[in-house]
C-alpha atoms as a PDB file:
ATOM      1  CA  MET A   1       0.029   0.033  -0.016  1.00  0.00           C
ATOM      2  CA  LYS A   2       1.304   3.423  -0.982  1.00  0.00           C
ATOM      3  CA  ASN A   3       1.949   5.822   1.919  1.00  0.00           C
ATOM      4  CA  ALA A   4       0.038   9.118   2.097  1.00  0.00           C
ATOM      5  CA  VAL A   5       2.827  11.336   0.852  1.00  0.00           C
ATOM      6  CA  THR A   6       3.415   9.092  -2.141  1.00  0.00           C
ATOM      7  CA  GLN A   7      -0.352   9.274  -2.957  1.00  0.00           C
ATOM      8  CA  ARG A   8      -0.235  13.115  -2.748  1.00  0.00           C
ATOM      9  CA  VAL A   9       2.861  13.262  -5.046  1.00  0.00           C
ATOM     10  CA  ILE A  10       0.937  11.191  -7.552  1.00  0.00           C
ATOM     11  CA  GLU A  11      -2.010  13.546  -7.174  1.00  0.00           C
ATOM     12  CA  VAL A  12       0.233  16.512  -7.835  1.00  0.00           C
ATOM     13  CA  LEU A  13       1.541  14.898 -10.998  1.00  0.00           C
ATOM     14  CA  GLU A  14      -1.911  14.230 -12.232  1.00  0.00           C
ATOM     15  CA  SER A  15      -3.221  17.667 -11.420  1.00  0.00           C
ATOM     16  CA  LYS A  16      -0.337  19.307 -13.189  1.00  0.00           C
ATOM     17  CA  ASN A  17      -0.435  16.801 -16.023  1.00  0.00           C
ATOM     18  CA  ILE A  18       3.225  15.825 -15.588  1.00  0.00           C
ATOM     19  CA  THR A  19       4.578  12.377 -16.210  1.00  0.00           C
ATOM     20  CA  GLN A  20       7.058  10.624 -13.905  1.00  0.00           C
ATOM     21  CA  ASN A  21       9.721  10.950 -16.722  1.00  0.00           C
ATOM     22  CA  ALA A  22       9.106  14.723 -16.955  1.00  0.00           C
ATOM     23  CA  LEU A  23       9.418  15.014 -13.137  1.00  0.00           C
ATOM     24  CA  ALA A  24      12.628  13.136 -13.093  1.00  0.00           C
ATOM     25  CA  ASP A  25      14.012  15.350 -15.847  1.00  0.00           C
ATOM     26  CA  LYS A  26      12.984  18.531 -14.072  1.00  0.00           C
ATOM     27  CA  LEU A  27      14.474  17.346 -10.754  1.00  0.00           C
ATOM     28  CA  GLY A  28      17.670  16.031 -12.434  1.00  0.00           C
ATOM     29  CA  MET A  29      17.010  12.452 -11.276  1.00  0.00           C
ATOM     30  CA  TYR A  30      16.875   9.186 -13.016  1.00  0.00           C
ATOM     31  CA  GLN A  31      13.350   8.091 -14.154  1.00  0.00           C
ATOM     32  CA  GLN A  32      13.903   4.733 -12.409  1.00  0.00           C
ATOM     33  CA  THR A  33      14.451   6.479  -9.100  1.00  0.00           C
ATOM     34  CA  ILE A  34      11.075   8.320  -9.365  1.00  0.00           C
ATOM     35  CA  SER A  35       9.331   5.256 -10.546  1.00  0.00           C
ATOM     36  CA  LYS A  36      10.725   3.201  -7.657  1.00  0.00           C
ATOM     37  CA  GLN A  37       9.630   5.870  -5.110  1.00  0.00           C
ATOM     38  CA  LEU A  38       6.035   5.903  -6.462  1.00  0.00           C
ATOM     39  CA  ARG A  39       5.553   2.148  -6.956  1.00  0.00           C
ATOM     40  CA  GLU A  40       3.165   0.194  -4.680  1.00  0.00           C
ATOM     41  CA  ASP A  41       6.144  -1.762  -3.130  1.00  0.00           C
ATOM     42  CA  GLY A  42       8.532   1.110  -3.435  1.00  0.00           C
ATOM     43  CA  SER A  43      10.504   2.848  -0.691  1.00  0.00           C
ATOM     44  CA  GLY A  44       8.321   5.986  -0.656  1.00  0.00           C
ATOM     45  CA  VAL A  45       9.168   9.392  -1.783  1.00  0.00           C
ATOM     46  CA  SER A  46      12.590  10.731  -0.747  1.00  0.00           C
ATOM     47  CA  LEU A  47      13.165  14.025   0.959  1.00  0.00           C
ATOM     48  CA  THR A  48      15.164  15.056  -2.152  1.00  0.00           C
ATOM     49  CA  THR A  49      12.066  14.505  -4.227  1.00  0.00           C
ATOM     50  CA  VAL A  50       9.757  16.373  -1.926  1.00  0.00           C
ATOM     51  CA  VAL A  51      12.059  19.375  -1.697  1.00  0.00           C
ATOM     52  CA  GLY A  52      12.657  19.329  -5.437  1.00  0.00           C
ATOM     53  CA  MET A  53       8.823  19.326  -6.065  1.00  0.00           C
ATOM     54  CA  LEU A  54       8.346  22.196  -3.642  1.00  0.00           C
ATOM     55  CA  GLU A  55      10.981  24.219  -5.434  1.00  0.00           C
ATOM     56  CA  LEU A  56       9.617  23.217  -8.860  1.00  0.00           C
ATOM     57  CA  PHE A  57       6.046  24.110  -7.978  1.00  0.00           C
ATOM     58  CA  PRO A  58       6.128  27.248  -5.782  1.00  0.00           C
ATOM     59  CA  ASP A  59       2.275  27.171  -5.520  1.00  0.00           C
ATOM     60  CA  LEU A  60       2.393  23.727  -3.951  1.00  0.00           C
ATOM     61  CA  SER A  61       1.635  23.648  -0.221  1.00  0.00           C
ATOM     62  CA  ALA A  62       4.288  21.837   1.773  1.00  0.00           C
ATOM     63  CA  GLU A  63       1.738  21.414   4.628  1.00  0.00           C
ATOM     64  CA  TRP A  64      -0.612  19.584   2.304  1.00  0.00           C
ATOM     65  CA  LEU A  65       2.175  17.529   0.594  1.00  0.00           C
ATOM     66  CA  LEU A  66       3.704  16.324   3.899  1.00  0.00           C
ATOM     67  CA  ARG A  67       0.736  16.278   6.265  1.00  0.00           C
ATOM     68  CA  GLY A  68      -2.339  16.285   4.021  1.00  0.00           C
ATOM     69  CA  GLU A  69      -3.643  19.422   5.761  1.00  0.00           C
ATOM     70  CA  GLY A  70      -5.140  22.344   3.903  1.00  0.00           C
ATOM     71  CA  SER A  71      -5.307  22.773   0.159  1.00  0.00           C
ATOM     72  CA  MET A  72      -2.846  21.357  -2.394  1.00  0.00           C
ATOM     73  CA  GLU A  73      -2.107  24.880  -3.518  1.00  0.00           C
ATOM     74  CA  LYS A  74      -1.063  27.701  -1.187  1.00  0.00           C
ATOM     75  CA  GLY A  75      -1.699  31.410  -1.226  1.00  0.00           C
ATOM     76  CA  ALA A  76      -4.112  33.148  -3.553  1.00  0.00           C
ATOM     77  CA  LYS A  77      -4.628  30.095  -5.701  1.00  0.00           C
ATOM     78  CA  ALA A  78      -5.807  28.021  -2.750  1.00  0.00           C
ATOM     79  CA  LEU A  79      -8.202  30.836  -1.783  1.00  0.00           C
ATOM     80  CA  GLN A  80      -9.452  30.950  -5.380  1.00  0.00           C
ATOM     81  CA  VAL A  81     -10.107  27.259  -5.378  1.00  0.00           C
ATOM     82  CA  GLN A  82     -11.790  27.414  -1.863  1.00  0.00           C
ATOM     83  CA  PHE A  83     -14.058  30.357  -2.744  1.00  0.00           C
ATOM     84  CA  GLY A  84     -14.616  28.954  -6.255  1.00  0.00           C
ATOM     85  CA  ASN A  85     -16.122  25.904  -4.626  1.00  0.00           C
ATOM     86  CA  VAL A  86     -18.182  28.053  -2.269  1.00  0.00           C
ATOM     87  CA  LEU A  87     -19.442  30.153  -5.182  1.00  0.00           C
ATOM     88  CA  ASN A  88     -20.263  27.020  -7.204  1.00  0.00           C
ATOM     89  CA  ASN A  89     -22.220  25.553  -4.282  1.00  0.00           C
ATOM     90  CA  THR A  90     -24.084  28.834  -3.789  1.00  0.00           C
ATOM     91  CA  LEU A  91     -24.866  29.082  -7.536  1.00  0.00           C
ATOM     92  CA  VAL A  92     -26.189  25.538  -7.585  1.00  0.00           C
ATOM     93  CA  GLN A  93     -28.464  26.164  -4.589  1.00  0.00           C
ATOM     94  CA  THR A  94     -29.653  29.464  -6.174  1.00  0.00           C
ATOM     95  CA  ILE A  95     -30.462  27.704  -9.453  1.00  0.00           C
ATOM     96  CA  ASP A  96     -32.293  24.919  -7.661  1.00  0.00           C
ATOM     97  CA  SER A  97     -34.313  27.444  -5.714  1.00  0.00           C
ATOM     98  CA  LEU A  98     -35.132  29.414  -8.897  1.00  0.00           C
ATOM     99  CA  ASN A  99     -36.152  26.208 -10.685  1.00  0.00           C
ATOM    100  CA  THR A 100     -38.540  25.427  -7.764  1.00  0.00           C
ATOM    101  CA  THR A 101     -39.983  28.918  -7.943  1.00  0.00           C
ATOM    102  CA  ILE A 102     -40.498  28.631 -11.665  1.00  0.00           C
ATOM    103  CA  ALA A 103     -42.233  25.318 -11.441  1.00  0.00           C
ATOM    104  CA  MET A 104     -44.580  26.742  -8.745  1.00  0.00           C
ATOM    105  CA  LEU A 105     -45.337  29.887 -10.854  1.00  0.00           C
ATOM    106  CA  LYS A 106     -46.131  27.623 -13.896  1.00  0.00           C
ATOM    107  CA  GLU A 107     -48.581  25.670 -11.859  1.00  0.00           C
ATOM    108  CA  ARG A 108     -50.302  28.863 -10.722  1.00  0.00           C
ATOM    109  CA  LEU A 109     -50.392  30.250 -14.191  1.00  0.00           C
ATOM    110  CA  GLN A 110     -51.971  27.082 -15.605  1.00  0.00           C
ATOM    111  CA  ALA A 111     -54.588  27.118 -12.866  1.00  0.00           C
ATOM    112  CA  TYR A 112     -55.297  30.788 -13.502  1.00  0.00           C
ATOM    113  CA  GLU A 113     -55.585  30.249 -17.265  1.00  0.00           C
ATOM    114  CA  GLN A 114     -58.045  27.291 -17.076  1.00  0.00           C
ATOM    115  CA  PRO A 115     -61.489  28.485 -18.005  1.00  0.00           C
ATOM    116  CA  LYS A 116     -63.780  28.970 -15.120  1.00  0.00           C
ATOM    117  CA  LYS A 117     -66.971  26.906 -15.126  1.00  0.00           C
ATOM    118  CA  VAL A 118     -70.034  29.102 -14.834  1.00  0.00           C
ATOM    119  CA  SER A 119     -72.655  27.577 -12.672  1.00  0.00           C
ATOM    120  CA  GLY A 120     -76.305  28.211 -13.248  1.00  0.00           C
ATOM    121  CA  ALA A 121     -76.010  29.142 -16.899  1.00  0.00           C
ATOM    122  CA  VAL A 122     -79.298  28.938 -18.832  1.00  0.00           C
END
C-alpha cells in the first residue's frame, strides 16, 4: 500500500499533467528512481524528491504535501479554489431554488388560465 505522501505526489503529477519521466528530468534524477519511489512496493518518496517538487512548484503547499492538511495549492490560488467551490455551491443552490419557484409559478399560471366553469347558466 502506498503511503499518504506518495499518494499526494501522484495527485500533484496528475493535477499538473506531468509524467514521472518529466518530473525526473525537471528534478535532475533518473526516471527509475522516481518510478521506484512511486511504486506500490517502493520505498516511498525521498526528501530530495519532496524538496525538489516544492521548489519546482512554488504554488504547492508543503503542509498539504507532507501532512495532508489544507489545500494542495497555497496562497491566492488556494483561496481561489476554496472560494470557487463556495461560489459554485451557492450558484447550484440558487439555481435549484429558482427552478422550484419557476415550477410553482407555472402551476399557478396554468390554474389561472383554465376556463372557469360558470354555474347556473341557462
